[in-house]
């Protein structure tokens, strides 16, 4: 069985973070493992408190996995502190895992800062260059561009404040790729008219069409998609095929999302498995 590691924050309501990652990995038939970077108090209505885990404990968790178990793919989610980013980047350089998927989690759907403002530069300069693929949504991509522009001479900056269309997405994907990741997947779910995603591999652009689904229950979609990509990469699929399969998976999970709680409910990670088992 392939083994996939998630390095992310805990969502005690089960819809996002470590919990969504492990559910997604299980749904893909891989063995999920975790390194917890932060403990959050949250539910479908929002994030109410965060306790970051000490960098030494994060490092010890990573050591415990890599000194014992082969890691076929790795997904990184919530990393809110500079210390957290630094210890993870140090360990990635030490163990050199393959298939590193980075979901640059920044702000929760309720508006809570999951990445501290002072940590943005560390994310851009220390973590993104190590990625096999980075998967920002449009607001996250805009923040990455703005942050990277701060350290570039004026003639090398990308002058895009707001990503409005697929052409802007292509420009941003190429710009972020200059930071070091092998692939950049810009997720277009925030576009007005469609949900196209743009993948750039350093040479060519690949578009993945998607459809808008009329539901408020989208808690944890970014975590789920990135974990699905990591799982499919671990299973041996190419990057394009991994993204295609992962988009199909998240689309079904959103279509059959769960109306749990009083706010934004989670996706249905096991819908296909439950249906095959005759449970729904």
C-alpha atoms as a PDB file:
ATOM      1  CA  UNK A   1       0.000   0.000   0.000  1.00  0.00           C
ATOM      2  CA  UNK A   2       1.233   3.485  -0.843  1.00  0.00           C
ATOM      3  CA  UNK A   3       1.882   5.839   2.084  1.00  0.00           C
ATOM      4  CA  UNK A   4       0.976   9.535   2.043  1.00  0.00           C
ATOM      5  CA  UNK A   5       1.828  12.104   4.708  1.00  0.00           C
ATOM      6  CA  UNK A   6      -0.120  15.254   5.485  1.00  0.00           C
ATOM      7  CA  UNK A   7       1.511  18.136   7.354  1.00  0.00           C
ATOM      8  CA  UNK A   8      -1.313  20.448   8.353  1.00  0.00           C
ATOM      9  CA  UNK A   9      -3.563  21.803  11.073  1.00  0.00           C
ATOM     10  CA  UNK A  10      -6.295  19.896  12.882  1.00  0.00           C
ATOM     11  CA  UNK A  11      -9.948  20.744  12.243  1.00  0.00           C
ATOM     12  CA  UNK A  12     -11.905  19.344  15.159  1.00  0.00           C
ATOM     13  CA  UNK A  13     -15.179  19.586  13.194  1.00  0.00           C
ATOM     14  CA  UNK A  14     -13.781  17.093  10.672  1.00  0.00           C
ATOM     15  CA  UNK A  15     -14.399  19.015   7.461  1.00  0.00           C
ATOM     16  CA  UNK A  16     -10.946  20.358   6.639  1.00  0.00           C
ATOM     17  CA  UNK A  17      -7.311  20.086   7.665  1.00  0.00           C
ATOM     18  CA  UNK A  18      -5.788  16.830   8.890  1.00  0.00           C
ATOM     19  CA  UNK A  19      -9.181  15.163   9.215  1.00  0.00           C
ATOM     20  CA  UNK A  20     -10.218  15.913   5.618  1.00  0.00           C
ATOM     21  CA  UNK A  21      -6.778  14.878   4.389  1.00  0.00           C
ATOM     22  CA  UNK A  22      -6.900  11.476   6.066  1.00  0.00           C
ATOM     23  CA  UNK A  23     -10.449  10.842   4.850  1.00  0.00           C
ATOM     24  CA  UNK A  24      -9.409  11.710   1.300  1.00  0.00           C
ATOM     25  CA  UNK A  25      -6.380   9.455   1.466  1.00  0.00           C
ATOM     26  CA  UNK A  26      -8.470   6.571   2.782  1.00  0.00           C
ATOM     27  CA  UNK A  27     -10.982   7.094  -0.031  1.00  0.00           C
ATOM     28  CA  UNK A  28      -8.109   6.736  -2.525  1.00  0.00           C
ATOM     29  CA  UNK A  29      -6.818   3.501  -1.032  1.00  0.00           C
ATOM     30  CA  UNK A  30      -3.560   4.882   0.341  1.00  0.00           C
ATOM     31  CA  UNK A  31      -2.299   4.802   3.929  1.00  0.00           C
ATOM     32  CA  UNK A  32      -2.556   8.268   5.459  1.00  0.00           C
ATOM     33  CA  UNK A  33      -0.161   9.629   8.078  1.00  0.00           C
ATOM     34  CA  UNK A  34      -0.082  13.029   9.741  1.00  0.00           C
ATOM     35  CA  UNK A  35       2.094  15.723  11.266  1.00  0.00           C
ATOM     36  CA  UNK A  36      -0.033  18.264  13.128  1.00  0.00           C
ATOM     37  CA  UNK A  37       1.151  21.882  12.895  1.00  0.00           C
ATOM     38  CA  UNK A  38      -1.693  23.548  14.780  1.00  0.00           C
ATOM     39  CA  UNK A  39      -4.827  22.746  16.760  1.00  0.00           C
ATOM     40  CA  UNK A  40      -7.866  24.797  15.798  1.00  0.00           C
ATOM     41  CA  UNK A  41     -11.196  25.291  17.511  1.00  0.00           C
ATOM     42  CA  UNK A  42     -13.624  25.467  14.609  1.00  0.00           C
ATOM     43  CA  UNK A  43     -16.910  24.267  13.200  1.00  0.00           C
ATOM     44  CA  UNK A  44     -19.055  24.987  10.157  1.00  0.00           C
ATOM     45  CA  UNK A  45     -19.516  28.591  11.296  1.00  0.00           C
ATOM     46  CA  UNK A  46     -15.879  29.571  11.613  1.00  0.00           C
ATOM     47  CA  UNK A  47     -12.480  29.319  13.295  1.00  0.00           C
ATOM     48  CA  UNK A  48     -12.521  30.576  16.870  1.00  0.00           C
ATOM     49  CA  UNK A  49      -9.049  29.809  18.234  1.00  0.00           C
ATOM     50  CA  UNK A  50      -5.697  28.416  17.091  1.00  0.00           C
ATOM     51  CA  UNK A  51      -2.878  26.883  19.134  1.00  0.00           C
ATOM     52  CA  UNK A  52       0.278  26.415  17.068  1.00  0.00           C
ATOM     53  CA  UNK A  53       2.431  23.385  17.787  1.00  0.00           C
ATOM     54  CA  UNK A  54       6.027  24.007  18.886  1.00  0.00           C
ATOM     55  CA  UNK A  55       8.569  23.704  16.061  1.00  0.00           C
ATOM     56  CA  UNK A  56      10.533  20.997  17.909  1.00  0.00           C
ATOM     57  CA  UNK A  57       7.425  18.814  18.164  1.00  0.00           C
ATOM     58  CA  UNK A  58       6.698  19.367  14.478  1.00  0.00           C
ATOM     59  CA  UNK A  59      10.235  18.363  13.650  1.00  0.00           C
ATOM     60  CA  UNK A  60      10.030  15.303  15.899  1.00  0.00           C
ATOM     61  CA  UNK A  61       6.802  14.198  14.215  1.00  0.00           C
ATOM     62  CA  UNK A  62       8.449  14.466  10.791  1.00  0.00           C
ATOM     63  CA  UNK A  63      11.518  12.574  11.997  1.00  0.00           C
ATOM     64  CA  UNK A  64       9.341   9.820  13.462  1.00  0.00           C
ATOM     65  CA  UNK A  65       7.715   9.209  10.074  1.00  0.00           C
ATOM     66  CA  UNK A  66      10.725   9.448   7.764  1.00  0.00           C
ATOM     67  CA  UNK A  67      13.074   7.374   9.935  1.00  0.00           C
ATOM     68  CA  UNK A  68      10.616   4.482   9.896  1.00  0.00           C
ATOM     69  CA  UNK A  69       8.176   4.612   6.982  1.00  0.00           C
ATOM     70  CA  UNK A  70       8.655   5.281   3.271  1.00  0.00           C
ATOM     71  CA  UNK A  71       6.665   8.311   2.146  1.00  0.00           C
ATOM     72  CA  UNK A  72       5.320   8.077  -1.413  1.00  0.00           C
ATOM     73  CA  UNK A  73       3.815  11.571  -1.401  1.00  0.00           C
ATOM     74  CA  UNK A  74       3.434  14.469   0.979  1.00  0.00           C
ATOM     75  CA  UNK A  75       0.848  17.235   1.279  1.00  0.00           C
ATOM     76  CA  UNK A  76       1.425  20.457   3.225  1.00  0.00           C
ATOM     77  CA  UNK A  77      -1.478  22.601   4.374  1.00  0.00           C
ATOM     78  CA  UNK A  78      -1.742  25.043   7.285  1.00  0.00           C
ATOM     79  CA  UNK A  79       1.672  26.408   8.362  1.00  0.00           C
ATOM     80  CA  UNK A  80       0.945  29.651  10.156  1.00  0.00           C
ATOM     81  CA  UNK A  81       4.273  30.579  11.797  1.00  0.00           C
ATOM     82  CA  UNK A  82       7.732  31.337  10.428  1.00  0.00           C
ATOM     83  CA  UNK A  83       9.169  28.753  12.834  1.00  0.00           C
ATOM     84  CA  UNK A  84       6.778  26.150  11.449  1.00  0.00           C
ATOM     85  CA  UNK A  85       7.740  26.924   7.863  1.00  0.00           C
ATOM     86  CA  UNK A  86      11.444  26.863   8.663  1.00  0.00           C
ATOM     87  CA  UNK A  87      11.436  23.489  10.422  1.00  0.00           C
ATOM     88  CA  UNK A  88       9.357  21.903   7.658  1.00  0.00           C
ATOM     89  CA  UNK A  89      11.654  23.261   4.938  1.00  0.00           C
ATOM     90  CA  UNK A  90      14.701  22.023   6.857  1.00  0.00           C
ATOM     91  CA  UNK A  91      13.235  18.535   7.145  1.00  0.00           C
ATOM     92  CA  UNK A  92      12.180  18.449   3.489  1.00  0.00           C
ATOM     93  CA  UNK A  93      15.747  19.262   2.468  1.00  0.00           C
ATOM     94  CA  UNK A  94      17.027  16.571   4.823  1.00  0.00           C
ATOM     95  CA  UNK A  95      14.724  13.741   3.757  1.00  0.00           C
ATOM     96  CA  UNK A  96      14.111  14.838   0.147  1.00  0.00           C
ATOM     97  CA  UNK A  97      10.624  13.296  -0.249  1.00  0.00           C
ATOM     98  CA  UNK A  98       9.108  12.880  -3.683  1.00  0.00           C
ATOM     99  CA  UNK A  99       5.762  14.312  -4.731  1.00  0.00           C
ATOM    100  CA  UNK A 100       5.444  17.371  -2.474  1.00  0.00           C
ATOM    101  CA  UNK A 101       2.014  19.012  -2.820  1.00  0.00           C
ATOM    102  CA  UNK A 102       1.693  22.414  -1.144  1.00  0.00           C
ATOM    103  CA  UNK A 103      -1.734  23.915  -0.529  1.00  0.00           C
ATOM    104  CA  UNK A 104      -0.902  27.479   0.603  1.00  0.00           C
ATOM    105  CA  UNK A 105      -3.674  27.820   3.190  1.00  0.00           C
ATOM    106  CA  UNK A 106      -4.012  31.471   4.191  1.00  0.00           C
ATOM    107  CA  UNK A 107      -7.521  32.459   5.229  1.00  0.00           C
ATOM    108  CA  UNK A 108     -10.468  30.342   6.366  1.00  0.00           C
ATOM    109  CA  UNK A 109     -13.843  30.754   4.661  1.00  0.00           C
ATOM    110  CA  UNK A 110     -14.962  32.695   7.737  1.00  0.00           C
ATOM    111  CA  UNK A 111     -12.068  35.143   7.342  1.00  0.00           C
ATOM    112  CA  UNK A 112      -9.664  33.876  10.030  1.00  0.00           C
ATOM    113  CA  UNK A 113      -5.951  34.336   9.208  1.00  0.00           C
ATOM    114  CA  UNK A 114      -4.530  30.810   9.143  1.00  0.00           C
ATOM    115  CA  UNK A 115      -1.204  32.120   7.843  1.00  0.00           C
ATOM    116  CA  UNK A 116       0.219  34.951   9.927  1.00  0.00           C
ATOM    117  CA  UNK A 117       0.933  38.070   7.824  1.00  0.00           C
ATOM    118  CA  UNK A 118       4.596  38.035   8.835  1.00  0.00           C
ATOM    119  CA  UNK A 119       4.897  34.430   7.620  1.00  0.00           C
ATOM    120  CA  UNK A 120       3.954  35.089   3.981  1.00  0.00           C
ATOM    121  CA  UNK A 121       7.502  35.835   2.849  1.00  0.00           C
ATOM    122  CA  UNK A 122       8.826  32.680   4.511  1.00  0.00           C
ATOM    123  CA  UNK A 123       6.181  30.626   2.716  1.00  0.00           C
ATOM    124  CA  UNK A 124       7.136  32.146  -0.637  1.00  0.00           C
ATOM    125  CA  UNK A 125      10.918  31.958  -0.229  1.00  0.00           C
ATOM    126  CA  UNK A 126      11.445  28.821   1.885  1.00  0.00           C
ATOM    127  CA  UNK A 127       8.584  26.421   1.167  1.00  0.00           C
ATOM    128  CA  UNK A 128       7.192  27.023  -2.328  1.00  0.00           C
ATOM    129  CA  UNK A 129      10.582  26.431  -4.028  1.00  0.00           C
ATOM    130  CA  UNK A 130      10.539  22.857  -2.656  1.00  0.00           C
ATOM    131  CA  UNK A 131       7.127  21.966  -4.091  1.00  0.00           C
ATOM    132  CA  UNK A 132       6.435  19.457  -6.792  1.00  0.00           C
ATOM    133  CA  UNK A 133       3.142  21.304  -7.228  1.00  0.00           C
ATOM    134  CA  UNK A 134       1.585  24.267  -5.442  1.00  0.00           C
ATOM    135  CA  UNK A 135      -2.212  24.650  -5.538  1.00  0.00           C
ATOM    136  CA  UNK A 136      -3.372  28.194  -4.659  1.00  0.00           C
ATOM    137  CA  UNK A 137      -6.895  29.459  -5.208  1.00  0.00           C
ATOM    138  CA  UNK A 138      -7.254  32.942  -6.693  1.00  0.00           C
ATOM    139  CA  UNK A 139      -7.041  34.970  -3.440  1.00  0.00           C
ATOM    140  CA  UNK A 140      -4.027  32.921  -2.333  1.00  0.00           C
ATOM    141  CA  UNK A 141      -2.343  33.348  -5.717  1.00  0.00           C
ATOM    142  CA  UNK A 142      -2.867  37.112  -5.495  1.00  0.00           C
ATOM    143  CA  UNK A 143      -1.178  37.197  -2.081  1.00  0.00           C
ATOM    144  CA  UNK A 144       1.742  35.108  -3.354  1.00  0.00           C
ATOM    145  CA  UNK A 145       2.246  37.460  -6.297  1.00  0.00           C
ATOM    146  CA  UNK A 146       2.111  40.543  -4.072  1.00  0.00           C
ATOM    147  CA  UNK A 147       4.564  39.007  -1.603  1.00  0.00           C
ATOM    148  CA  UNK A 148       7.039  37.893  -4.277  1.00  0.00           C
ATOM    149  CA  UNK A 149       6.886  41.308  -5.931  1.00  0.00           C
ATOM    150  CA  UNK A 150       8.278  42.828  -2.735  1.00  0.00           C
ATOM    151  CA  UNK A 151      11.682  41.231  -3.245  1.00  0.00           C
ATOM    152  CA  UNK A 152      11.942  41.717  -7.004  1.00  0.00           C
ATOM    153  CA  UNK A 153      13.271  44.694  -8.958  1.00  0.00           C
ATOM    154  CA  UNK A 154      10.454  46.692 -10.486  1.00  0.00           C
ATOM    155  CA  UNK A 155      11.054  45.437 -14.032  1.00  0.00           C
ATOM    156  CA  UNK A 156      10.594  41.813 -12.952  1.00  0.00           C
ATOM    157  CA  UNK A 157       7.358  42.254 -11.032  1.00  0.00           C
ATOM    158  CA  UNK A 158       3.944  41.055 -12.194  1.00  0.00           C
ATOM    159  CA  UNK A 159       1.452  43.897 -12.083  1.00  0.00           C
ATOM    160  CA  UNK A 160      -1.733  41.986 -11.329  1.00  0.00           C
ATOM    161  CA  UNK A 161      -3.675  42.903  -8.203  1.00  0.00           C
ATOM    162  CA  UNK A 162      -6.850  40.987  -9.042  1.00  0.00           C
ATOM    163  CA  UNK A 163      -7.104  37.802 -11.101  1.00  0.00           C
ATOM    164  CA  UNK A 164     -10.125  38.304 -13.330  1.00  0.00           C
ATOM    165  CA  UNK A 165      -9.936  35.595 -15.997  1.00  0.00           C
ATOM    166  CA  UNK A 166      -8.032  32.593 -17.336  1.00  0.00           C
ATOM    167  CA  UNK A 167      -5.501  34.828 -19.087  1.00  0.00           C
ATOM    168  CA  UNK A 168      -4.580  36.375 -15.744  1.00  0.00           C
ATOM    169  CA  UNK A 169      -4.383  32.883 -14.254  1.00  0.00           C
ATOM    170  CA  UNK A 170      -1.882  31.827 -16.911  1.00  0.00           C
ATOM    171  CA  UNK A 171       0.317  34.849 -16.223  1.00  0.00           C
ATOM    172  CA  UNK A 172       0.214  34.210 -12.483  1.00  0.00           C
ATOM    173  CA  UNK A 173       0.986  30.497 -12.902  1.00  0.00           C
ATOM    174  CA  UNK A 174       4.082  31.322 -14.948  1.00  0.00           C
ATOM    175  CA  UNK A 175       5.131  33.969 -12.416  1.00  0.00           C
ATOM    176  CA  UNK A 176       4.775  31.637  -9.407  1.00  0.00           C
ATOM    177  CA  UNK A 177       6.669  28.920 -11.263  1.00  0.00           C
ATOM    178  CA  UNK A 178       9.707  31.226 -11.245  1.00  0.00           C
ATOM    179  CA  UNK A 179       9.811  30.780  -7.455  1.00  0.00           C
ATOM    180  CA  UNK A 180      10.864  27.152  -7.851  1.00  0.00           C
ATOM    181  CA  UNK A 181       7.928  24.715  -7.847  1.00  0.00           C
ATOM    182  CA  UNK A 182       7.913  22.236 -10.726  1.00  0.00           C
ATOM    183  CA  UNK A 183       4.186  22.693 -11.336  1.00  0.00           C
ATOM    184  CA  UNK A 184       1.698  25.422 -10.456  1.00  0.00           C
ATOM    185  CA  UNK A 185      -2.044  24.727 -10.345  1.00  0.00           C
ATOM    186  CA  UNK A 186      -4.154  27.887 -10.104  1.00  0.00           C
ATOM    187  CA  UNK A 187      -7.672  26.962  -8.987  1.00  0.00           C
ATOM    188  CA  UNK A 188     -10.400  29.035 -10.596  1.00  0.00           C
ATOM    189  CA  UNK A 189     -13.311  28.339  -8.281  1.00  0.00           C
ATOM    190  CA  UNK A 190     -13.544  32.031  -7.405  1.00  0.00           C
ATOM    191  CA  UNK A 191     -14.086  33.095 -11.035  1.00  0.00           C
ATOM    192  CA  UNK A 192     -17.503  34.551 -11.774  1.00  0.00           C
ATOM    193  CA  UNK A 193     -18.504  32.478 -14.764  1.00  0.00           C
ATOM    194  CA  UNK A 194     -16.710  29.132 -14.588  1.00  0.00           C
ATOM    195  CA  UNK A 195     -14.379  27.023 -12.491  1.00  0.00           C
ATOM    196  CA  UNK A 196     -11.469  26.407 -14.861  1.00  0.00           C
ATOM    197  CA  UNK A 197      -8.132  25.448 -13.297  1.00  0.00           C
ATOM    198  CA  UNK A 198      -4.799  26.262 -14.937  1.00  0.00           C
ATOM    199  CA  UNK A 199      -1.715  24.016 -14.685  1.00  0.00           C
ATOM    200  CA  UNK A 200       1.734  25.229 -15.721  1.00  0.00           C
ATOM    201  CA  UNK A 201       4.706  22.851 -15.878  1.00  0.00           C
ATOM    202  CA  UNK A 202       7.399  25.372 -16.731  1.00  0.00           C
ATOM    203  CA  UNK A 203       6.787  25.016 -20.458  1.00  0.00           C
ATOM    204  CA  UNK A 204       3.129  24.626 -21.317  1.00  0.00           C
ATOM    205  CA  UNK A 205      -0.304  25.478 -19.988  1.00  0.00           C
ATOM    206  CA  UNK A 206      -2.997  22.853 -19.428  1.00  0.00           C
ATOM    207  CA  UNK A 207      -6.595  23.841 -18.659  1.00  0.00           C
ATOM    208  CA  UNK A 208      -8.989  21.733 -16.608  1.00  0.00           C
ATOM    209  CA  UNK A 209     -12.605  22.697 -17.067  1.00  0.00           C
ATOM    210  CA  UNK A 210     -14.973  22.521 -14.138  1.00  0.00           C
ATOM    211  CA  UNK A 211     -18.564  23.336 -13.352  1.00  0.00           C
ATOM    212  CA  UNK A 212     -20.047  25.559 -10.702  1.00  0.00           C
ATOM    213  CA  UNK A 213     -22.029  23.586  -8.144  1.00  0.00           C
ATOM    214  CA  UNK A 214     -24.828  25.387  -6.375  1.00  0.00           C
ATOM    215  CA  UNK A 215     -24.116  24.596  -2.727  1.00  0.00           C
ATOM    216  CA  UNK A 216     -22.841  26.455   0.301  1.00  0.00           C
ATOM    217  CA  UNK A 217     -21.252  23.302   1.686  1.00  0.00           C
ATOM    218  CA  UNK A 218     -17.658  23.589   0.483  1.00  0.00           C
ATOM    219  CA  UNK A 219     -15.741  23.428   3.758  1.00  0.00           C
ATOM    220  CA  UNK A 220     -12.342  21.814   3.207  1.00  0.00           C
ATOM    221  CA  UNK A 221     -12.376  21.686  -0.591  1.00  0.00           C
ATOM    222  CA  UNK A 222      -8.784  22.935  -0.905  1.00  0.00           C
ATOM    223  CA  UNK A 223      -7.507  20.433   1.648  1.00  0.00           C
ATOM    224  CA  UNK A 224      -9.424  17.647  -0.039  1.00  0.00           C
ATOM    225  CA  UNK A 225      -8.226  18.437  -3.566  1.00  0.00           C
ATOM    226  CA  UNK A 226      -4.559  18.737  -2.596  1.00  0.00           C
ATOM    227  CA  UNK A 227      -4.717  15.482  -0.612  1.00  0.00           C
ATOM    228  CA  UNK A 228      -6.358  13.752  -3.565  1.00  0.00           C
ATOM    229  CA  UNK A 229      -3.566  14.977  -5.852  1.00  0.00           C
ATOM    230  CA  UNK A 230      -0.930  13.693  -3.406  1.00  0.00           C
ATOM    231  CA  UNK A 231      -2.726  10.345  -3.205  1.00  0.00           C
ATOM    232  CA  UNK A 232      -2.923   9.970  -6.972  1.00  0.00           C
ATOM    233  CA  UNK A 233       0.736  10.926  -7.400  1.00  0.00           C
ATOM    234  CA  UNK A 234       1.639   8.283  -4.811  1.00  0.00           C
ATOM    235  CA  UNK A 235      -0.362   5.752  -6.821  1.00  0.00           C
ATOM    236  CA  UNK A 236       1.861   6.462  -9.825  1.00  0.00           C
ATOM    237  CA  UNK A 237      -0.303   8.688 -11.980  1.00  0.00           C
ATOM    238  CA  UNK A 238       1.213  11.592 -13.909  1.00  0.00           C
ATOM    239  CA  UNK A 239       0.650  15.125 -12.686  1.00  0.00           C
ATOM    240  CA  UNK A 240      -2.024  15.829 -15.315  1.00  0.00           C
ATOM    241  CA  UNK A 241      -3.814  12.545 -14.663  1.00  0.00           C
ATOM    242  CA  UNK A 242      -3.579  13.054 -10.893  1.00  0.00           C
ATOM    243  CA  UNK A 243      -5.206  16.469 -11.173  1.00  0.00           C
ATOM    244  CA  UNK A 244      -7.891  15.188 -13.538  1.00  0.00           C
ATOM    245  CA  UNK A 245      -8.790  12.333 -11.200  1.00  0.00           C
ATOM    246  CA  UNK A 246      -8.681  14.615  -8.168  1.00  0.00           C
ATOM    247  CA  UNK A 247     -11.004  17.142  -9.781  1.00  0.00           C
ATOM    248  CA  UNK A 248     -13.460  14.362 -10.573  1.00  0.00           C
ATOM    249  CA  UNK A 249     -13.269  13.219  -6.954  1.00  0.00           C
ATOM    250  CA  UNK A 250     -13.794  16.667  -5.419  1.00  0.00           C
ATOM    251  CA  UNK A 251     -16.637  17.428  -7.846  1.00  0.00           C
ATOM    252  CA  UNK A 252     -18.560  14.348  -6.687  1.00  0.00           C
ATOM    253  CA  UNK A 253     -17.749  15.155  -3.048  1.00  0.00           C
ATOM    254  CA  UNK A 254     -19.140  18.684  -3.470  1.00  0.00           C
ATOM    255  CA  UNK A 255     -22.186  17.549  -5.453  1.00  0.00           C
ATOM    256  CA  UNK A 256     -23.105  15.275  -2.547  1.00  0.00           C
ATOM    257  CA  UNK A 257     -21.827  17.548   0.218  1.00  0.00           C
ATOM    258  CA  UNK A 258     -23.188  17.202   3.724  1.00  0.00           C
ATOM    259  CA  UNK A 259     -25.541  19.762   5.238  1.00  0.00           C
ATOM    260  CA  UNK A 260     -23.994  19.419   8.687  1.00  0.00           C
ATOM    261  CA  UNK A 261     -24.078  22.233  11.234  1.00  0.00           C
ATOM    262  CA  UNK A 262     -25.402  25.768  10.994  1.00  0.00           C
ATOM    263  CA  UNK A 263     -22.830  27.138   8.558  1.00  0.00           C
ATOM    264  CA  UNK A 264     -20.685  25.899   5.665  1.00  0.00           C
ATOM    265  CA  UNK A 265     -20.887  22.121   5.670  1.00  0.00           C
ATOM    266  CA  UNK A 266     -18.194  19.665   4.526  1.00  0.00           C
ATOM    267  CA  UNK A 267     -17.800  17.707   1.332  1.00  0.00           C
ATOM    268  CA  UNK A 268     -18.738  14.024   1.230  1.00  0.00           C
ATOM    269  CA  UNK A 269     -15.370  12.264   1.105  1.00  0.00           C
ATOM    270  CA  UNK A 270     -16.738   8.724   0.977  1.00  0.00           C
ATOM    271  CA  UNK A 271     -19.807   9.164  -1.237  1.00  0.00           C
ATOM    272  CA  UNK A 272     -18.560   6.885  -4.034  1.00  0.00           C
ATOM    273  CA  UNK A 273     -17.439   4.178  -1.611  1.00  0.00           C
ATOM    274  CA  UNK A 274     -20.704   4.332   0.334  1.00  0.00           C
ATOM    275  CA  UNK A 275     -22.670   4.070  -2.902  1.00  0.00           C
ATOM    276  CA  UNK A 276     -20.712   1.037  -4.080  1.00  0.00           C
ATOM    277  CA  UNK A 277     -21.270  -0.575  -0.686  1.00  0.00           C
ATOM    278  CA  UNK A 278     -25.009   0.015  -0.947  1.00  0.00           C
ATOM    279  CA  UNK A 279     -25.061   2.237   2.133  1.00  0.00           C
ATOM    280  CA  UNK A 280     -26.722   5.163   0.337  1.00  0.00           C
END
